[in-house]
Protein backbone atom coordinates (compact mmCIF):
# COMPACT_ATOMS: atom_id res chain seq x y z
CA MET A 1 17.13 32.45 -33.98
CA ARG A 2 16.52 29.71 -31.44
CA ARG A 3 13.08 28.09 -31.34
CA PHE A 4 10.88 27.33 -28.32
CA PHE A 5 7.34 26.37 -27.46
CA GLY A 6 5.45 28.61 -25.05
CA GLU A 7 2.01 29.84 -24.05
CA LYS A 8 0.11 33.12 -24.48
CA ASP A 9 -0.44 35.38 -21.47
CA GLY A 10 -2.34 38.48 -22.53
CA ASP A 11 -0.17 40.31 -25.03
CA LYS A 12 2.96 38.46 -23.84
CA ILE A 13 4.30 34.95 -24.36
CA LEU A 14 5.69 32.81 -21.55
CA VAL A 15 8.35 30.14 -21.93
CA LYS A 16 8.20 27.67 -19.04
CA GLY A 17 9.37 24.31 -17.73
CA ASP A 18 11.92 22.36 -19.75
CA GLU A 19 11.80 24.97 -22.49
CA PHE A 20 12.78 27.67 -20.01
CA ASN A 21 15.56 25.50 -18.62
CA HIS A 22 16.93 25.00 -22.13
CA LEU A 23 16.67 28.71 -22.87
CA LYS A 24 18.39 29.89 -19.68
CA ASN A 25 20.70 27.12 -18.48
CA VAL A 26 21.67 25.35 -21.69
CA LEU A 27 21.70 28.11 -24.31
CA ARG A 28 22.30 30.86 -21.73
CA LEU A 29 20.18 33.40 -23.55
CA LYS A 30 19.81 36.83 -21.98
CA VAL A 31 17.16 39.51 -21.56
CA GLY A 32 16.92 41.52 -24.77
CA GLU A 33 17.71 38.64 -27.12
CA GLU A 34 15.22 37.55 -29.78
CA ILE A 35 13.80 34.05 -30.14
CA ILE A 36 11.06 32.34 -32.15
CA VAL A 37 8.21 30.91 -30.10
CA SER A 38 5.45 28.54 -31.20
CA LEU A 39 2.12 28.06 -29.42
CA ASN A 40 1.17 24.76 -31.10
CA THR A 41 -0.81 26.70 -33.71
CA LYS A 42 -0.09 27.51 -37.35
CA TYR A 43 1.66 30.74 -36.38
CA GLU A 44 5.15 31.48 -35.11
CA TYR A 45 6.22 34.57 -33.19
CA VAL A 46 9.43 36.55 -33.16
CA CYS A 47 9.81 37.53 -29.51
CA GLU A 48 12.15 39.59 -27.36
CA ILE A 49 12.98 38.26 -23.91
CA LEU A 50 11.78 40.89 -21.44
CA SER A 51 12.54 39.17 -18.14
CA MET A 52 13.46 35.88 -16.54
CA GLY A 53 11.88 34.85 -13.26
CA LYS A 54 11.79 31.58 -11.39
CA GLY A 55 11.06 28.98 -14.05
CA VAL A 56 9.64 31.37 -16.63
CA ALA A 57 10.78 33.81 -19.31
CA THR A 58 8.38 36.59 -20.27
CA CYS A 59 8.60 37.67 -23.89
CA LYS A 60 7.27 40.56 -25.98
CA ILE A 61 5.88 39.75 -29.42
CA ASN A 62 7.73 41.61 -32.16
CA GLY A 63 6.24 39.79 -35.13
CA GLU A 64 3.78 37.08 -36.19
CA THR A 65 3.90 34.96 -39.33
CA GLU A 66 2.13 31.84 -40.56
CA CYS A 67 4.47 28.85 -40.51
CA LEU A 68 4.78 27.19 -43.92
CA LYS A 69 6.48 24.07 -42.53
CA ASN A 70 3.33 22.55 -41.05
CA PRO A 71 1.63 19.61 -42.83
CA CYS A 72 -0.68 20.60 -45.67
CA LYS A 73 -2.61 17.32 -45.45
CA ASN A 74 -3.90 15.16 -42.65
CA ILE A 75 -1.65 12.08 -42.76
CA VAL A 76 -2.10 9.76 -39.78
CA LEU A 77 0.29 6.95 -38.89
CA PHE A 78 -1.16 3.87 -37.21
CA GLN A 79 1.96 2.23 -35.83
CA ALA A 80 1.93 -1.18 -34.13
CA VAL A 81 3.72 -0.89 -30.79
CA ALA A 82 7.47 -1.51 -31.11
CA LYS A 83 10.35 -1.57 -28.67
CA LYS A 84 11.06 1.73 -26.90
CA ALA A 85 14.04 2.95 -28.94
CA LYS A 86 12.43 2.03 -32.25
CA PHE A 87 9.11 3.65 -31.40
CA GLU A 88 10.83 6.85 -30.27
CA PHE A 89 12.75 6.93 -33.55
CA ILE A 90 9.50 6.51 -35.49
CA VAL A 91 7.83 9.37 -33.57
CA GLN A 92 10.80 11.64 -34.28
CA LYS A 93 10.83 10.87 -38.00
CA ALA A 94 7.04 11.06 -38.28
CA THR A 95 7.21 14.59 -36.90
CA GLU A 96 9.95 15.61 -39.33
CA ILE A 97 8.18 14.10 -42.33
CA GLY A 98 4.91 15.87 -41.54
CA ILE A 99 2.57 13.37 -39.92
CA SER A 100 -0.44 14.93 -38.18
CA GLU A 101 -1.17 12.15 -35.69
CA ILE A 102 0.50 8.97 -34.45
CA VAL A 103 -1.76 6.16 -33.19
CA PRO A 104 -0.01 3.27 -31.41
CA PHE A 105 -1.84 -0.03 -31.50
CA MET A 106 -1.36 -3.59 -30.31
CA SER A 107 -1.36 -6.34 -32.92
CA GLU A 108 -0.99 -10.10 -32.72
CA TYR A 109 2.79 -10.17 -33.27
CA CYS A 110 3.78 -7.20 -31.08
CA ILE A 111 6.68 -8.15 -28.80
CA ALA A 112 6.86 -4.83 -26.95
CA LYS A 113 4.58 -3.78 -24.11
CA VAL A 114 2.51 -0.62 -24.14
CA THR A 115 4.26 0.56 -20.96
CA GLU A 116 7.61 0.77 -22.78
CA ASN A 117 6.45 3.88 -24.61
CA LYS A 118 5.66 6.66 -22.13
CA ALA A 119 3.30 9.33 -23.47
CA GLU A 120 5.21 12.22 -21.85
CA ARG A 121 8.51 11.02 -23.31
CA LEU A 122 7.01 10.64 -26.79
CA TYR A 123 5.50 14.14 -26.55
CA ASP A 124 8.92 15.60 -25.69
CA ILE A 125 10.48 13.82 -28.66
CA ALA A 126 7.81 15.18 -30.98
CA LEU A 127 8.19 18.70 -29.56
CA ASN A 128 11.95 18.72 -30.04
CA ALA A 129 11.58 17.31 -33.55
CA CYS A 130 9.16 20.16 -34.33
CA LYS A 131 11.79 22.69 -33.33
CA GLN A 132 14.42 20.93 -35.43
CA CYS A 133 12.29 20.81 -38.58
CA GLU A 134 10.69 24.23 -37.90
CA ARG A 135 7.05 23.15 -37.78
CA THR A 136 4.86 24.79 -35.15
CA ILE A 137 2.10 22.20 -34.64
CA ILE A 138 3.08 19.17 -32.58
CA PRO A 139 1.62 15.92 -33.92
CA LYS A 140 -1.03 14.35 -31.72
CA ILE A 141 0.00 11.08 -30.07
CA ALA A 142 -3.15 9.10 -29.39
CA GLU A 143 -3.80 6.51 -26.71
CA THR A 144 -2.89 2.96 -27.62
CA THR A 145 -5.67 0.99 -29.28
CA ASP A 146 -6.04 -2.41 -30.97
CA VAL A 147 -6.63 -3.63 -34.53
CA ALA A 148 -10.40 -3.23 -34.15
CA GLY A 149 -9.86 0.35 -32.97
CA VAL A 150 -7.71 1.07 -36.02
CA ILE A 151 -10.32 -0.34 -38.41
CA ASN A 152 -13.05 1.65 -36.66
CA ARG A 153 -11.28 4.84 -37.77
CA PHE A 154 -11.10 3.91 -41.46
CA LYS A 155 -14.26 5.96 -42.07
CA ASP A 156 -12.32 9.14 -41.21
CA PHE A 157 -10.00 8.83 -44.23
CA ASP A 158 -10.14 9.15 -48.00
CA VAL A 159 -7.69 6.27 -48.36
CA VAL A 160 -6.04 3.77 -45.99
CA LEU A 161 -2.69 2.18 -46.87
CA PHE A 162 -0.99 -0.65 -45.02
CA ALA A 163 2.55 -1.95 -45.44
CA ASN A 164 2.35 -5.63 -46.40
CA GLU A 165 5.75 -7.20 -45.84
CA ARG A 166 4.86 -10.54 -47.40
CA THR A 167 3.57 -9.59 -50.82
CA ASP A 168 5.04 -8.49 -54.11
CA VAL A 169 1.68 -7.67 -55.61
CA GLY A 170 0.72 -4.69 -53.49
CA GLU A 171 -0.99 -1.73 -55.08
CA LYS A 172 1.15 1.07 -56.43
CA LEU A 173 1.05 4.40 -54.63
CA ASN A 174 -0.43 6.77 -57.17
CA LYS A 175 -2.93 9.60 -57.41
CA LEU A 176 -2.47 10.37 -53.71
CA SER A 177 -2.50 14.09 -54.44
CA LYS A 178 -6.31 14.03 -54.70
CA TYR A 179 -6.70 12.89 -51.09
CA LYS A 180 -6.66 15.18 -48.06
CA ASN A 181 -7.04 12.58 -45.29
CA ILE A 182 -4.65 9.62 -45.56
CA ALA A 183 -4.02 6.78 -43.12
CA ILE A 184 -0.85 4.67 -43.04
CA ILE A 185 -0.65 1.37 -41.13
CA VAL A 186 2.70 -0.20 -40.29
CA GLY A 187 3.39 -3.32 -38.25
CA SER A 188 5.76 -4.00 -35.37
CA GLU A 189 8.92 -6.10 -35.40
CA GLY A 190 6.83 -9.21 -36.09
CA GLY A 191 4.71 -7.74 -38.86
CA PHE A 192 1.04 -8.64 -39.26
CA SER A 193 -0.69 -12.00 -39.09
CA GLN A 194 -2.52 -13.20 -42.19
CA LYS A 195 -5.81 -12.75 -40.34
CA GLU A 196 -5.00 -9.09 -39.59
CA LYS A 197 -4.08 -8.44 -43.22
CA GLU A 198 -7.38 -9.91 -44.35
CA LYS A 199 -9.27 -7.76 -41.84
CA PHE A 200 -7.57 -4.60 -43.15
CA ILE A 201 -8.35 -5.47 -46.76
CA GLU A 202 -11.96 -6.44 -46.01
CA ALA A 203 -12.41 -3.08 -44.25
CA GLY A 204 -11.17 -1.22 -47.34
CA ALA A 205 -7.43 -0.74 -46.76
CA VAL A 206 -5.02 -0.89 -49.69
CA SER A 207 -2.11 -3.34 -49.43
CA VAL A 208 1.24 -1.74 -50.31
CA SER A 209 4.50 -3.54 -51.01
CA LEU A 210 7.74 -1.76 -50.11
CA GLY A 211 9.87 -4.05 -52.25
CA LYS A 212 11.35 -7.53 -52.24
CA ARG A 213 13.34 -7.14 -49.04
CA ILE A 214 11.90 -7.45 -45.54
CA LEU A 215 12.41 -4.14 -43.74
CA ARG A 216 12.73 -3.43 -40.05
CA CYS A 217 9.56 -1.87 -38.68
CA GLU A 218 11.19 1.54 -38.21
CA THR A 219 12.57 1.42 -41.77
CA ALA A 220 9.16 0.46 -43.13
CA SER A 221 7.54 3.35 -41.26
CA VAL A 222 9.97 5.92 -42.59
CA ALA A 223 9.69 4.51 -46.12
CA MET A 224 5.87 4.55 -46.08
CA MET A 225 5.61 7.98 -44.53
CA SER A 226 8.14 9.47 -46.94
CA LEU A 227 6.50 7.97 -50.02
CA VAL A 228 3.03 9.10 -49.02
CA SER A 229 4.18 12.57 -47.99
CA ILE A 230 6.02 13.16 -51.26
CA LEU A 231 3.43 11.61 -53.58
CA SER A 232 0.46 13.29 -51.89
CA ASP A 233 2.05 16.71 -52.47
CA ASN A 234 2.48 16.16 -56.21
């Protein structure tokens, strides 16, 4: 069945806006057909389309189940702002991998501007990625902060890991399964300055090497997120 995001209205569910347009004009679904609708909660609903009005489909709930595809742990990605296409790719993959929140931040070597990454566009990418990977909770995309703002949030996590592109002596990723709240920090196209790395380490972050080769920022993000997601579930 096709998946959509909607909102509750009494004992019915409404599918509106772009989701309605996709339902009616792209997929050409009809009254009486069944779909799966998410409300940005841990549940998903099997629904029957009852009617289609102007810009909205009204649906009857036929079943409710808890979605098992949502993240089991709170893994937050602090991603230095990258160029538009790269950042959008990172948001998409973060959603698929199971990241709970994405926090953009400006660092010394960022070459992109904050305005390149529109919040509404990033939300739409995350929403569509949720439908593709069948999770029902859309990751939060926070407002852009700076390095100080990132460090200020270290207290919220059991462990903080940052990708250090210029070291071969980074700590190994092990025993992550005992942690419930994990932060990942990845740099932009220019990486981190030595001063920023020292600030992270002084604040308690763990330096992680992703190998001998220098990775693109989007590759480093996917590698870090994948490693942490897999190892923290073991």
